[in-house]
Protein backbone atom coordinates (compact mmCIF):
# COMPACT_ATOMS: atom_id res chain seq x y z
CA MET A 1 88.58 86.56 132.17
CA ASN A 2 88.60 85.79 128.49
CA LEU A 3 91.76 87.73 127.28
CA LYS A 4 91.07 87.00 123.72
CA GLN A 5 87.53 88.53 123.77
CA LYS A 6 88.94 91.56 125.68
CA LEU A 7 91.43 92.11 123.02
CA LYS A 8 88.83 91.91 120.39
CA ASP A 9 86.62 94.36 122.37
CA LEU A 10 89.58 96.83 122.72
CA LEU A 11 90.41 96.44 118.99
CA GLU A 12 86.82 97.20 117.95
CA ALA A 13 86.57 100.14 120.36
CA LYS A 14 89.78 101.72 119.18
CA VAL A 15 88.79 101.32 115.50
CA LYS A 16 85.35 102.76 116.17
CA GLY A 17 86.92 105.74 117.83
CA TRP A 18 89.46 106.34 115.10
CA LYS A 19 89.46 110.02 113.93
CA GLY A 20 91.65 109.65 110.80
CA ALA A 21 90.64 110.18 107.14
CA THR A 22 90.54 106.37 106.28
CA ARG A 23 87.49 104.57 107.39
CA TYR A 24 87.32 100.98 108.30
CA ARG A 25 84.80 98.25 108.45
CA ARG A 26 84.66 96.00 111.66
CA PRO A 27 88.16 94.55 112.39
CA ILE A 28 89.07 90.86 112.48
CA LEU A 29 91.25 89.32 115.17
CA LYS A 30 92.69 85.79 115.11
CA VAL A 31 95.07 83.91 117.26
CA ALA A 32 97.66 81.03 116.35
CA SER A 33 99.43 78.89 118.93
CA VAL A 34 103.16 78.81 118.64
CA SER A 35 102.86 74.98 118.97
CA ASP A 36 100.87 74.83 115.51
CA PRO A 37 102.96 72.67 113.14
CA MET A 38 102.41 75.02 110.37
CA TRP A 39 105.08 77.20 111.72
CA LEU A 40 107.63 74.61 110.77
CA LYS A 41 106.03 74.16 107.31
CA LEU A 42 106.45 77.84 106.85
CA LYS A 43 110.17 77.53 107.86
CA GLU A 44 110.71 74.78 105.37
CA ASN A 45 109.31 76.81 102.56
CA PHE A 46 110.74 80.16 103.47
CA PRO A 47 113.90 79.48 105.65
CA SER A 48 114.53 83.16 106.20
CA HIS A 49 111.09 83.73 107.83
CA LEU A 50 111.43 84.05 111.59
CA MET A 51 109.53 81.88 113.85
CA PRO A 52 107.61 83.44 116.85
CA TRP A 53 110.04 82.08 119.47
CA GLU A 54 112.97 83.58 117.50
CA ILE A 55 111.25 87.06 117.82
CA PHE A 56 110.28 86.71 121.32
CA GLU A 57 111.54 84.21 123.92
CA GLY A 58 108.73 82.63 125.77
CA ALA A 59 106.20 82.99 123.12
CA LYS A 60 103.10 81.28 123.42
CA SER A 61 100.52 82.85 121.05
CA VAL A 62 100.60 85.03 117.85
CA VAL A 63 97.82 87.52 117.60
CA VAL A 64 97.02 88.92 113.99
CA PHE A 65 94.31 91.52 113.20
CA PHE A 66 92.96 93.01 109.83
CA LEU A 67 91.47 96.29 109.30
CA PRO A 68 89.22 96.12 106.20
CA PHE A 69 88.71 99.38 104.36
CA THR A 70 85.25 100.75 103.74
CA GLU A 71 84.01 100.09 100.16
CA ASP A 72 84.65 103.80 98.94
CA VAL A 73 88.43 103.36 99.71
CA ILE A 74 88.45 100.15 97.77
CA GLU A 75 86.46 101.45 94.90
CA SER A 76 88.82 104.49 94.60
CA ASN A 77 91.63 102.26 93.62
CA GLN A 78 90.03 100.50 90.73
CA ARG A 79 90.98 103.07 88.05
CA GLY A 80 94.15 103.95 86.19
CA TYR A 81 97.82 102.99 86.18
CA TYR A 82 98.78 104.60 89.43
CA SER A 83 97.08 103.90 92.83
CA SER A 84 94.46 106.37 94.03
CA ARG A 85 95.01 109.33 96.43
CA GLU A 86 92.56 107.68 98.80
CA TRP A 87 94.36 104.33 98.68
CA ALA A 88 97.66 106.03 99.24
CA ILE A 89 96.64 107.88 102.19
CA ALA A 90 95.01 104.77 103.74
CA TYR A 91 98.25 103.02 103.34
CA VAL A 92 100.20 105.62 105.24
CA GLU A 93 97.52 106.18 107.91
CA THR A 94 96.71 102.41 108.47
CA ASN A 95 100.38 101.50 108.96
CA ALA A 96 100.58 104.08 111.69
CA PHE A 97 97.40 102.96 113.30
CA LEU A 98 98.19 99.32 113.13
CA TYR A 99 101.35 99.62 115.06
CA GLU A 100 99.54 101.84 117.66
CA LEU A 101 96.75 99.30 118.00
CA SER A 102 99.34 96.55 118.54
CA LEU A 103 101.02 98.62 121.41
CA GLU A 104 97.60 99.21 122.89
CA MET A 105 96.72 95.52 122.94
CA LEU A 106 100.19 94.59 124.35
CA GLY A 107 99.73 97.32 127.00
CA PHE A 108 96.37 95.61 127.92
CA LEU A 109 98.10 92.26 128.28
CA LYS A 110 100.96 93.73 130.30
CA GLU A 111 98.23 95.03 132.92
CA HIS A 112 97.32 91.30 133.25
CA GLY A 113 101.01 90.09 133.72
CA TYR A 114 101.89 89.32 130.26
CA THR A 115 104.33 90.88 127.80
CA GLY A 116 105.16 90.57 124.05
CA ILE A 117 106.49 92.34 121.10
CA SER A 118 105.02 93.84 118.02
CA VAL A 119 106.28 93.41 114.27
CA LYS A 120 105.94 96.74 112.33
CA PRO A 121 103.26 96.52 109.60
CA THR A 122 105.58 96.89 106.66
CA HIS A 123 109.13 97.32 105.28
CA ASN A 124 110.25 93.96 107.12
CA PHE A 125 111.68 92.37 104.10
CA ASP A 126 114.73 91.81 102.12
CA GLU A 127 114.90 94.50 99.57
CA GLU A 128 116.98 92.45 97.06
CA LYS A 129 115.13 89.08 97.32
CA LEU A 130 111.79 90.85 98.11
CA ILE A 131 111.04 88.18 100.73
CA SER A 132 109.60 89.14 104.23
CA TYR A 133 111.34 88.09 107.37
CA TRP A 134 107.93 88.12 108.97
CA SER A 135 104.96 87.87 106.78
CA HIS A 136 101.62 89.18 108.44
CA ARG A 137 99.75 87.39 105.49
CA HIS A 138 101.26 83.92 106.36
CA VAL A 139 100.80 84.52 109.95
CA GLY A 140 97.21 85.35 109.16
CA PHE A 141 96.89 82.11 107.25
CA ILE A 142 98.28 80.09 110.10
CA ALA A 143 95.85 81.85 112.38
CA GLY A 144 92.82 81.05 110.26
CA MET A 145 92.27 84.52 108.86
CA GLY A 146 91.80 83.39 105.42
CA THR A 147 93.35 81.78 102.25
CA PHE A 148 95.58 82.99 99.64
CA GLY A 149 94.21 84.09 96.36
CA ILE A 150 96.01 84.12 92.85
CA ASN A 151 96.55 87.65 93.55
CA ASN A 152 99.09 86.62 96.29
CA MET A 153 97.04 88.30 98.89
CA LEU A 154 95.19 86.78 102.02
CA ILE A 155 91.50 86.77 101.27
CA THR A 156 89.64 86.98 104.57
CA GLU A 157 85.88 86.87 105.33
CA GLU A 158 85.88 90.63 104.59
CA GLY A 159 88.13 90.25 101.37
CA CYS A 160 91.52 91.51 101.17
CA GLY A 161 91.00 95.28 100.87
CA GLY A 162 92.65 96.38 104.05
CA ARG A 163 95.98 95.88 106.04
CA LEU A 164 97.19 93.40 108.53
CA ASN A 165 99.46 93.40 111.52
CA SER A 166 100.50 90.92 114.21
CA PHE A 167 102.33 90.58 117.44
CA VAL A 168 103.71 87.83 119.71
CA THR A 169 102.97 87.30 123.33
CA ASP A 170 103.66 84.91 126.24
CA ALA A 171 99.90 84.97 127.05
CA ILE A 172 98.17 81.71 126.21
CA LEU A 173 95.15 82.60 124.09
CA ASP A 174 92.74 80.18 122.47
CA PRO A 175 93.91 79.54 118.98
CA ASP A 176 91.36 79.99 116.01
CA GLU A 177 90.29 77.09 113.68
CA LYS A 178 91.65 77.08 110.20
CA PHE A 179 89.85 78.83 107.40
CA THR A 180 88.65 75.72 105.66
CA GLU A 181 86.69 77.15 102.60
CA GLU A 182 88.75 78.29 99.56
CA ALA A 183 88.16 81.99 99.42
CA CYS A 184 89.64 82.70 96.00
CA LEU A 185 86.94 82.25 93.29
CA PHE A 186 89.45 81.22 90.87
CA LYS A 187 91.03 78.52 92.86
CA ARG A 188 87.53 77.29 94.05
CA GLU A 189 85.51 77.53 90.86
CA GLY A 190 87.88 78.60 88.07
CA THR A 191 85.91 81.90 87.76
CA CYS A 192 86.87 85.53 88.23
CA GLY A 193 90.60 86.13 87.77
CA LEU A 194 90.02 89.83 87.66
CA CYS A 195 93.21 90.55 89.60
CA ILE A 196 95.23 89.11 86.75
CA GLU A 197 93.21 91.28 84.20
CA LYS A 198 93.65 94.38 86.37
CA CYS A 199 97.26 94.15 87.24
CA PRO A 200 98.68 97.27 85.63
CA VAL A 201 102.03 95.70 84.99
CA GLY A 202 101.15 92.05 84.32
CA ALA A 203 102.83 90.86 87.44
CA LEU A 204 100.15 88.36 88.33
CA LYS A 205 99.83 85.13 86.39
CA ILE A 206 97.64 82.03 86.99
CA ASP A 207 100.68 79.96 87.70
CA GLY A 208 102.88 82.46 89.36
CA PHE A 209 103.75 86.08 90.65
CA ASP A 210 106.51 88.31 89.40
CA ARG A 211 107.42 90.08 92.66
CA PHE A 212 110.16 92.19 91.10
CA SER A 213 107.80 93.72 88.36
CA CYS A 214 105.23 94.30 91.15
CA TYR A 215 107.62 96.05 93.45
CA LYS A 216 109.01 98.20 90.56
CA HIS A 217 105.48 99.34 89.98
CA CYS A 218 104.99 100.07 93.79
CA LEU A 219 108.03 102.25 93.79
CA GLU A 220 106.65 104.17 90.89
CA ASN A 221 103.57 104.80 92.95
CA ASP A 222 105.69 106.06 95.78
CA LEU A 223 107.20 108.64 93.35
CA TYR A 224 103.71 109.53 92.09
CA HIS A 225 102.43 110.28 95.69
CA GLY A 226 105.87 111.99 96.53
CA ASP A 227 104.25 114.58 98.94
CA LEU A 228 103.38 111.67 101.21
CA PRO A 229 105.46 109.44 103.46
CA LYS A 230 106.64 106.27 101.91
CA THR A 231 103.85 104.78 99.57
CA ASP A 232 105.31 101.73 97.86
CA ILE A 233 102.02 100.29 97.25
CA CYS A 234 100.12 98.42 94.73
CA GLY A 235 97.80 100.16 92.40
């Protein structure tokens, strides 16, 4: 049995049957081996970032998956200073759905004699330094999900309009190849750069990212959508 393909099939079926307000395109699932040398490179650059074996003893593989929003959700968030209502709802719904999906896939693996642990989709970072203890984006990069743009997002084959989550397991799953093509148009060709132009608080620069200005704006969005659960999101 190809467990990795079974996980993909399960993920696609669950997303297809989703009854929430937010709609998704076809999800992407990738796998990284814990023996990949890029984990140690990540630790060198971000010493506070946990390694898979620090999260779960006996870890063999890390599974990361991406739920890309439909175009209407993405396009709704291209106007104004604050994030759109649709984007805020998508953030709340998707975070809950991602965790549910992780538990579903871990439950499937448990039926086949394996175990593991999920990491929550968000709010797993140092609120003073604004550095994550477990970055789903960097996990996705190691797993071949995509490359980083100058917008500091992981750009996948379906773009970056969506949400990521990941889990660690003792199942040995075939790792994916690295994403070899540069996905960011600015990095690849010197074109585009719209993310810099559209950032409402000027947090994005060609040569850097002001995470504190960005998060301040995210908290403004949380207040703006105060009737919803926490929505500290970019908009």
